[in-house]
Amino acid sequence: MSTLSLRLPDSIHERVKDFAHKEGISINQFIASAVNEKISAFATKDYLERRAGSADINKFEKALSQIPDVEPEEYDKL
């Protein structure tokens, strides 16, 4: 495990402390979790961009053409 010195504005530090206390976890656990969530969001964005880059519009249109043009079932309507 690594040690990191982090400078936070007092207002953010207070909010982190309050939320960590409400969740019953340490400030370190709260920050580690928040950083992990952000990393996960970036990784998901990268993955989707890579997938989109290899998309084939012809294959997409072919797949769409195979979907029947029918009204959804009553339980599927908004």
PDB file of N, CA and C in Angstrom:
ATOM      1  N   MET A   1       0.849  -1.172   0.000  1.00  0.00           N
ATOM      2  CA  MET A   1       0.000   0.000   0.000  1.00  0.00           C
ATOM      3  C   MET A   1       0.895   1.235   0.000  1.00  0.00           C
ATOM      4  N   SER A   2       0.440   2.270  -0.679  1.00  0.00           N
ATOM      5  CA  SER A   2       1.202   3.508  -0.788  1.00  0.00           C
ATOM      6  C   SER A   2       0.632   4.583   0.120  1.00  0.00           C
ATOM      7  N   THR A   3       1.493   5.519   0.486  1.00  0.00           N
ATOM      8  CA  THR A   3       1.077   6.679   1.255  1.00  0.00           C
ATOM      9  C   THR A   3       1.094   7.876   0.329  1.00  0.00           C
ATOM     10  N   LEU A   4       0.058   8.694   0.418  1.00  0.00           N
ATOM     11  CA  LEU A   4      -0.080   9.849  -0.452  1.00  0.00           C
ATOM     12  C   LEU A   4      -0.424  11.058   0.400  1.00  0.00           C
ATOM     13  N   SER A   5       0.338  12.118   0.215  1.00  0.00           N
ATOM     14  CA  SER A   5       0.015  13.369   0.894  1.00  0.00           C
ATOM     15  C   SER A   5      -0.889  14.161  -0.042  1.00  0.00           C
ATOM     16  N   LEU A   6      -2.044  14.568   0.466  1.00  0.00           N
ATOM     17  CA  LEU A   6      -3.046  15.205  -0.370  1.00  0.00           C
ATOM     18  C   LEU A   6      -3.460  16.528   0.246  1.00  0.00           C
ATOM     19  N   ARG A   7      -3.474  17.558  -0.559  1.00  0.00           N
ATOM     20  CA  ARG A   7      -3.929  18.871  -0.094  1.00  0.00           C
ATOM     21  C   ARG A   7      -5.350  19.086  -0.604  1.00  0.00           C
ATOM     22  N   LEU A   8      -6.254  19.347   0.330  1.00  0.00           N
ATOM     23  CA  LEU A   8      -7.649  19.616  -0.013  1.00  0.00           C
ATOM     24  C   LEU A   8      -8.062  20.949   0.578  1.00  0.00           C
ATOM     25  N   PRO A   9      -8.908  21.678  -0.125  1.00  0.00           N
ATOM     26  CA  PRO A   9      -9.477  22.876   0.491  1.00  0.00           C
ATOM     27  C   PRO A   9     -10.246  22.466   1.755  1.00  0.00           C
ATOM     28  N   ASP A  10     -10.241  23.323   2.733  1.00  0.00           N
ATOM     29  CA  ASP A  10     -10.909  23.019   4.005  1.00  0.00           C
ATOM     30  C   ASP A  10     -12.366  22.613   3.807  1.00  0.00           C
ATOM     31  N   SER A  11     -13.062  23.274   2.882  1.00  0.00           N
ATOM     32  CA  SER A  11     -14.480  22.969   2.676  1.00  0.00           C
ATOM     33  C   SER A  11     -14.665  21.537   2.170  1.00  0.00           C
ATOM     34  N   ILE A  12     -13.812  21.081   1.268  1.00  0.00           N
ATOM     35  CA  ILE A  12     -13.913  19.705   0.763  1.00  0.00           C
ATOM     36  C   ILE A  12     -13.541  18.721   1.862  1.00  0.00           C
ATOM     37  N   HIS A  13     -12.500  19.042   2.624  1.00  0.00           N
ATOM     38  CA  HIS A  13     -12.083  18.168   3.716  1.00  0.00           C
ATOM     39  C   HIS A  13     -13.226  17.969   4.710  1.00  0.00           C
ATOM     40  N   GLU A  14     -13.914  19.037   5.035  1.00  0.00           N
ATOM     41  CA  GLU A  14     -15.037  18.938   5.973  1.00  0.00           C
ATOM     42  C   GLU A  14     -16.150  18.060   5.419  1.00  0.00           C
ATOM     43  N   ARG A  15     -16.452  18.211   4.139  1.00  0.00           N
ATOM     44  CA  ARG A  15     -17.514  17.394   3.528  1.00  0.00           C
ATOM     45  C   ARG A  15     -17.109  15.929   3.485  1.00  0.00           C
ATOM     46  N   VAL A  16     -15.844  15.665   3.142  1.00  0.00           N
ATOM     47  CA  VAL A  16     -15.350  14.285   3.127  1.00  0.00           C
ATOM     48  C   VAL A  16     -15.461  13.684   4.523  1.00  0.00           C
ATOM     49  N   LYS A  17     -15.027  14.448   5.500  1.00  0.00           N
ATOM     50  CA  LYS A  17     -15.082  13.970   6.887  1.00  0.00           C
ATOM     51  C   LYS A  17     -16.520  13.674   7.301  1.00  0.00           C
ATOM     52  N   ASP A  18     -17.449  14.560   6.950  1.00  0.00           N
ATOM     53  CA  ASP A  18     -18.857  14.359   7.305  1.00  0.00           C
ATOM     54  C   ASP A  18     -19.436  13.115   6.632  1.00  0.00           C
ATOM     55  N   PHE A  19     -19.203  12.969   5.329  1.00  0.00           N
ATOM     56  CA  PHE A  19     -19.747  11.807   4.614  1.00  0.00           C
ATOM     57  C   PHE A  19     -19.101  10.508   5.088  1.00  0.00           C
ATOM     58  N   ALA A  20     -17.816  10.530   5.327  1.00  0.00           N
ATOM     59  CA  ALA A  20     -17.146   9.323   5.825  1.00  0.00           C
ATOM     60  C   ALA A  20     -17.726   8.921   7.179  1.00  0.00           C
ATOM     61  N   HIS A  21     -17.935   9.904   8.033  1.00  0.00           N
ATOM     62  CA  HIS A  21     -18.512   9.628   9.354  1.00  0.00           C
ATOM     63  C   HIS A  21     -19.920   9.035   9.215  1.00  0.00           C
ATOM     64  N   LYS A  22     -20.740   9.631   8.323  1.00  0.00           N
ATOM     65  CA  LYS A  22     -22.102   9.122   8.107  1.00  0.00           C
ATOM     66  C   LYS A  22     -22.089   7.684   7.599  1.00  0.00           C
ATOM     67  N   GLU A  23     -21.097   7.343   6.793  1.00  0.00           N
ATOM     68  CA  GLU A  23     -20.997   5.991   6.236  1.00  0.00           C
ATOM     69  C   GLU A  23     -20.302   5.020   7.191  1.00  0.00           C
ATOM     70  N   GLY A  24     -19.732   5.557   8.261  1.00  0.00           N
ATOM     71  CA  GLY A  24     -19.043   4.707   9.234  1.00  0.00           C
ATOM     72  C   GLY A  24     -17.711   4.172   8.730  1.00  0.00           C
ATOM     73  N   ILE A  25     -17.050   4.955   7.878  1.00  0.00           N
ATOM     74  CA  ILE A  25     -15.747   4.552   7.345  1.00  0.00           C
ATOM     75  C   ILE A  25     -14.739   5.660   7.593  1.00  0.00           C
ATOM     76  N   SER A  26     -13.474   5.329   7.412  1.00  0.00           N
ATOM     77  CA  SER A  26     -12.431   6.342   7.597  1.00  0.00           C
ATOM     78  C   SER A  26     -12.370   7.268   6.385  1.00  0.00           C
ATOM     79  N   ILE A  27     -11.756   8.410   6.590  1.00  0.00           N
ATOM     80  CA  ILE A  27     -11.543   9.340   5.482  1.00  0.00           C
ATOM     81  C   ILE A  27     -10.716   8.659   4.398  1.00  0.00           C
ATOM     82  N   ASN A  28      -9.708   7.884   4.792  1.00  0.00           N
ATOM     83  CA  ASN A  28      -8.887   7.166   3.811  1.00  0.00           C
ATOM     84  C   ASN A  28      -9.741   6.219   2.976  1.00  0.00           C
ATOM     85  N   GLN A  29     -10.625   5.465   3.626  1.00  0.00           N
ATOM     86  CA  GLN A  29     -11.503   4.545   2.895  1.00  0.00           C
ATOM     87  C   GLN A  29     -12.422   5.309   1.946  1.00  0.00           C
ATOM     88  N   PHE A  30     -12.946   6.433   2.410  1.00  0.00           N
ATOM     89  CA  PHE A  30     -13.839   7.240   1.585  1.00  0.00           C
ATOM     90  C   PHE A  30     -13.112   7.740   0.341  1.00  0.00           C
ATOM     91  N   ILE A  31     -11.924   8.288   0.528  1.00  0.00           N
ATOM     92  CA  ILE A  31     -11.165   8.832  -0.610  1.00  0.00           C
ATOM     93  C   ILE A  31     -10.739   7.710  -1.554  1.00  0.00           C
ATOM     94  N   ALA A  32     -10.294   6.571  -1.010  1.00  0.00           N
ATOM     95  CA  ALA A  32      -9.904   5.441  -1.869  1.00  0.00           C
ATOM     96  C   ALA A  32     -11.095   4.980  -2.703  1.00  0.00           C
ATOM     97  N   SER A  33     -12.263   4.920  -2.095  1.00  0.00           N
ATOM     98  CA  SER A  33     -13.467   4.509  -2.808  1.00  0.00           C
ATOM     99  C   SER A  33     -13.832   5.522  -3.894  1.00  0.00           C
ATOM    100  N   ALA A  34     -13.742   6.802  -3.574  1.00  0.00           N
ATOM    101  CA  ALA A  34     -14.064   7.849  -4.546  1.00  0.00           C
ATOM    102  C   ALA A  34     -13.101   7.809  -5.732  1.00  0.00           C
ATOM    103  N   VAL A  35     -11.817   7.615  -5.454  1.00  0.00           N
ATOM    104  CA  VAL A  35     -10.823   7.527  -6.528  1.00  0.00           C
ATOM    105  C   VAL A  35     -11.093   6.297  -7.383  1.00  0.00           C
ATOM    106  N   ASN A  36     -11.427   5.190  -6.750  1.00  0.00           N
ATOM    107  CA  ASN A  36     -11.723   3.968  -7.494  1.00  0.00           C
ATOM    108  C   ASN A  36     -12.946   4.150  -8.396  1.00  0.00           C
ATOM    109  N   GLU A  37     -13.965   4.833  -7.906  1.00  0.00           N
ATOM    110  CA  GLU A  37     -15.150   5.099  -8.730  1.00  0.00           C
ATOM    111  C   GLU A  37     -14.786   5.945  -9.941  1.00  0.00           C
ATOM    112  N   LYS A  38     -13.931   6.940  -9.758  1.00  0.00           N
ATOM    113  CA  LYS A  38     -13.527   7.803 -10.870  1.00  0.00           C
ATOM    114  C   LYS A  38     -12.708   7.017 -11.887  1.00  0.00           C
ATOM    115  N   ILE A  39     -11.791   6.176 -11.403  1.00  0.00           N
ATOM    116  CA  ILE A  39     -10.993   5.335 -12.300  1.00  0.00           C
ATOM    117  C   ILE A  39     -11.915   4.420 -13.103  1.00  0.00           C
ATOM    118  N   SER A  40     -12.898   3.852 -12.456  1.00  0.00           N
ATOM    119  CA  SER A  40     -13.847   2.973 -13.125  1.00  0.00           C
ATOM    120  C   SER A  40     -14.615   3.727 -14.215  1.00  0.00           C
ATOM    121  N   ALA A  41     -15.010   4.956 -13.937  1.00  0.00           N
ATOM    122  CA  ALA A  41     -15.722   5.767 -14.931  1.00  0.00           C
ATOM    123  C   ALA A  41     -14.829   6.038 -16.142  1.00  0.00           C
ATOM    124  N   PHE A  42     -13.558   6.387 -15.901  1.00  0.00           N
ATOM    125  CA  PHE A  42     -12.630   6.626 -17.016  1.00  0.00           C
ATOM    126  C   PHE A  42     -12.384   5.350 -17.814  1.00  0.00           C
ATOM    127  N   ALA A  43     -12.241   4.224 -17.123  1.00  0.00           N
ATOM    128  CA  ALA A  43     -12.005   2.953 -17.805  1.00  0.00           C
ATOM    129  C   ALA A  43     -13.212   2.580 -18.667  1.00  0.00           C
ATOM    130  N   THR A  44     -14.409   2.820 -18.162  1.00  0.00           N
ATOM    131  CA  THR A  44     -15.625   2.539 -18.936  1.00  0.00           C
ATOM    132  C   THR A  44     -15.682   3.424 -20.171  1.00  0.00           C
ATOM    133  N   LYS A  45     -15.362   4.703 -20.012  1.00  0.00           N
ATOM    134  CA  LYS A  45     -15.348   5.628 -21.148  1.00  0.00           C
ATOM    135  C   LYS A  45     -14.345   5.158 -22.194  1.00  0.00           C
ATOM    136  N   ASP A  46     -13.140   4.784 -21.767  1.00  0.00           N
ATOM    137  CA  ASP A  46     -12.127   4.293 -22.701  1.00  0.00           C
ATOM    138  C   ASP A  46     -12.604   3.051 -23.434  1.00  0.00           C
ATOM    139  N   TYR A  47     -13.222   2.119 -22.702  1.00  0.00           N
ATOM    140  CA  TYR A  47     -13.725   0.881 -23.298  1.00  0.00           C
ATOM    141  C   TYR A  47     -14.783   1.185 -24.358  1.00  0.00           C
ATOM    142  N   LEU A  48     -15.731   2.057 -24.022  1.00  0.00           N
ATOM    143  CA  LEU A  48     -16.792   2.382 -24.968  1.00  0.00           C
ATOM    144  C   LEU A  48     -16.256   3.102 -26.195  1.00  0.00           C
ATOM    145  N   GLU A  49     -15.259   3.961 -26.008  1.00  0.00           N
ATOM    146  CA  GLU A  49     -14.652   4.641 -27.152  1.00  0.00           C
ATOM    147  C   GLU A  49     -13.942   3.647 -28.068  1.00  0.00           C
ATOM    148  N   ARG A  50     -13.248   2.671 -27.476  1.00  0.00           N
ATOM    149  CA  ARG A  50     -12.581   1.644 -28.295  1.00  0.00           C
ATOM    150  C   ARG A  50     -13.605   0.831 -29.063  1.00  0.00           C
ATOM    151  N   ARG A  51     -14.689   0.449 -28.387  1.00  0.00           N
ATOM    152  CA  ARG A  51     -15.739  -0.326 -29.061  1.00  0.00           C
ATOM    153  C   ARG A  51     -16.387   0.488 -30.174  1.00  0.00           C
ATOM    154  N   ALA A  52     -16.652   1.751 -29.913  1.00  0.00           N
ATOM    155  CA  ALA A  52     -17.275   2.608 -30.926  1.00  0.00           C
ATOM    156  C   ALA A  52     -16.347   2.782 -32.127  1.00  0.00           C
ATOM    157  N   GLY A  53     -15.051   2.815 -31.874  1.00  0.00           N
ATOM    158  CA  GLY A  53     -14.084   2.979 -32.959  1.00  0.00           C
ATOM    159  C   GLY A  53     -14.056   1.799 -33.907  1.00  0.00           C
ATOM    160  N   SER A  54     -14.472   0.646 -33.449  1.00  0.00           N
ATOM    161  CA  SER A  54     -14.462  -0.535 -34.310  1.00  0.00           C
ATOM    162  C   SER A  54     -15.862  -0.865 -34.838  1.00  0.00           C
ATOM    163  N   ALA A  55     -16.786   0.071 -34.679  1.00  0.00           N
ATOM    164  CA  ALA A  55     -18.162  -0.164 -35.122  1.00  0.00           C
ATOM    165  C   ALA A  55     -18.240  -0.198 -36.641  1.00  0.00           C
ATOM    166  N   ASP A  56     -19.192  -0.961 -37.132  1.00  0.00           N
ATOM    167  CA  ASP A  56     -19.431  -1.071 -38.571  1.00  0.00           C
ATOM    168  C   ASP A  56     -20.890  -0.702 -38.822  1.00  0.00           C
ATOM    169  N   ILE A  57     -21.111   0.442 -39.481  1.00  0.00           N
ATOM    170  CA  ILE A  57     -22.476   0.939 -39.694  1.00  0.00           C
ATOM    171  C   ILE A  57     -23.312  -0.042 -40.497  1.00  0.00           C
ATOM    172  N   ASN A  58     -22.694  -0.750 -41.435  1.00  0.00           N
ATOM    173  CA  ASN A  58     -23.448  -1.718 -42.241  1.00  0.00           C
ATOM    174  C   ASN A  58     -23.952  -2.873 -41.387  1.00  0.00           C
ATOM    175  N   LYS A  59     -23.117  -3.374 -40.491  1.00  0.00           N
ATOM    176  CA  LYS A  59     -23.547  -4.446 -39.589  1.00  0.00           C
ATOM    177  C   LYS A  59     -24.652  -3.954 -38.650  1.00  0.00           C
ATOM    178  N   PHE A  60     -24.524  -2.719 -38.203  1.00  0.00           N
ATOM    179  CA  PHE A  60     -25.533  -2.132 -37.320  1.00  0.00           C
ATOM    180  C   PHE A  60     -26.876  -2.036 -38.035  1.00  0.00           C
ATOM    181  N   GLU A  61     -26.874  -1.502 -39.257  1.00  0.00           N
ATOM    182  CA  GLU A  61     -28.113  -1.360 -40.014  1.00  0.00           C
ATOM    183  C   GLU A  61     -28.711  -2.731 -40.344  1.00  0.00           C
ATOM    184  N   LYS A  62     -27.867  -3.728 -40.626  1.00  0.00           N
ATOM    185  CA  LYS A  62     -28.360  -5.078 -40.893  1.00  0.00           C
ATOM    186  C   LYS A  62     -29.063  -5.631 -39.647  1.00  0.00           C
ATOM    187  N   ALA A  63     -28.447  -5.441 -38.487  1.00  0.00           N
ATOM    188  CA  ALA A  63     -29.051  -5.916 -37.236  1.00  0.00           C
ATOM    189  C   ALA A  63     -30.376  -5.205 -36.979  1.00  0.00           C
ATOM    190  N   LEU A  64     -30.422  -3.892 -37.203  1.00  0.00           N
ATOM    191  CA  LEU A  64     -31.664  -3.138 -36.998  1.00  0.00           C
ATOM    192  C   LEU A  64     -32.761  -3.613 -37.938  1.00  0.00           C
ATOM    193  N   SER A  65     -32.391  -3.973 -39.153  1.00  0.00           N
ATOM    194  CA  SER A  65     -33.394  -4.397 -40.134  1.00  0.00           C
ATOM    195  C   SER A  65     -34.061  -5.715 -39.727  1.00  0.00           C
ATOM    196  N   GLN A  66     -33.459  -6.454 -38.832  1.00  0.00           N
ATOM    197  CA  GLN A  66     -34.008  -7.733 -38.400  1.00  0.00           C
ATOM    198  C   GLN A  66     -34.978  -7.598 -37.228  1.00  0.00           C
ATOM    199  N   ILE A  67     -35.123  -6.398 -36.718  1.00  0.00           N
ATOM    200  CA  ILE A  67     -36.038  -6.170 -35.596  1.00  0.00           C
ATOM    201  C   ILE A  67     -37.435  -5.925 -36.154  1.00  0.00           C
ATOM    202  N   PRO A  68     -38.403  -6.705 -35.719  1.00  0.00           N
ATOM    203  CA  PRO A  68     -39.762  -6.519 -36.255  1.00  0.00           C
ATOM    204  C   PRO A  68     -40.342  -5.161 -35.848  1.00  0.00           C
ATOM    205  N   ASP A  69     -41.100  -4.574 -36.761  1.00  0.00           N
ATOM    206  CA  ASP A  69     -41.726  -3.276 -36.512  1.00  0.00           C
ATOM    207  C   ASP A  69     -43.120  -3.520 -35.922  1.00  0.00           C
ATOM    208  N   VAL A  70     -43.162  -3.759 -34.627  1.00  0.00           N
ATOM    209  CA  VAL A  70     -44.422  -4.023 -33.937  1.00  0.00           C
ATOM    210  C   VAL A  70     -44.513  -3.147 -32.691  1.00  0.00           C
ATOM    211  N   GLU A  71     -45.711  -2.947 -32.250  1.00  0.00           N
ATOM    212  CA  GLU A  71     -45.939  -2.202 -31.018  1.00  0.00           C
ATOM    213  C   GLU A  71     -45.443  -3.041 -29.834  1.00  0.00           C
ATOM    214  N   PRO A  72     -44.880  -2.386 -28.823  1.00  0.00           N
ATOM    215  CA  PRO A  72     -44.443  -3.162 -27.644  1.00  0.00           C
ATOM    216  C   PRO A  72     -45.649  -3.709 -26.871  1.00  0.00           C
ATOM    217  N   GLU A  73     -45.391  -4.751 -26.114  1.00  0.00           N
ATOM    218  CA  GLU A  73     -46.422  -5.297 -25.238  1.00  0.00           C
ATOM    219  C   GLU A  73     -46.832  -4.206 -24.248  1.00  0.00           C
ATOM    220  N   GLU A  74     -48.040  -4.307 -23.728  1.00  0.00           N
ATOM    221  CA  GLU A  74     -48.558  -3.284 -22.811  1.00  0.00           C
ATOM    222  C   GLU A  74     -47.627  -3.103 -21.601  1.00  0.00           C
ATOM    223  N   TYR A  75     -47.079  -4.204 -21.076  1.00  0.00           N
ATOM    224  CA  TYR A  75     -46.215  -4.103 -19.890  1.00  0.00           C
ATOM    225  C   TYR A  75     -44.866  -3.463 -20.213  1.00  0.00           C
ATOM    226  N   ASP A  76     -44.529  -3.308 -21.496  1.00  0.00           N
ATOM    227  CA  ASP A  76     -43.263  -2.683 -21.886  1.00  0.00           C
ATOM    228  C   ASP A  76     -43.398  -1.205 -22.225  1.00  0.00           C
ATOM    229  N   LYS A  77     -44.606  -0.689 -22.199  1.00  0.00           N
ATOM    230  CA  LYS A  77     -44.835   0.718 -22.540  1.00  0.00           C
ATOM    231  C   LYS A  77     -44.570   1.597 -21.328  1.00  0.00           C
ATOM    232  N   LEU A  78     -44.106   2.786 -21.608  1.00  0.00           N
ATOM    233  CA  LEU A  78     -43.882   3.763 -20.527  1.00  0.00           C
ATOM    234  C   LEU A  78     -45.155   4.474 -20.182  1.00  0.00           C
TER     235      LEU A  78
END
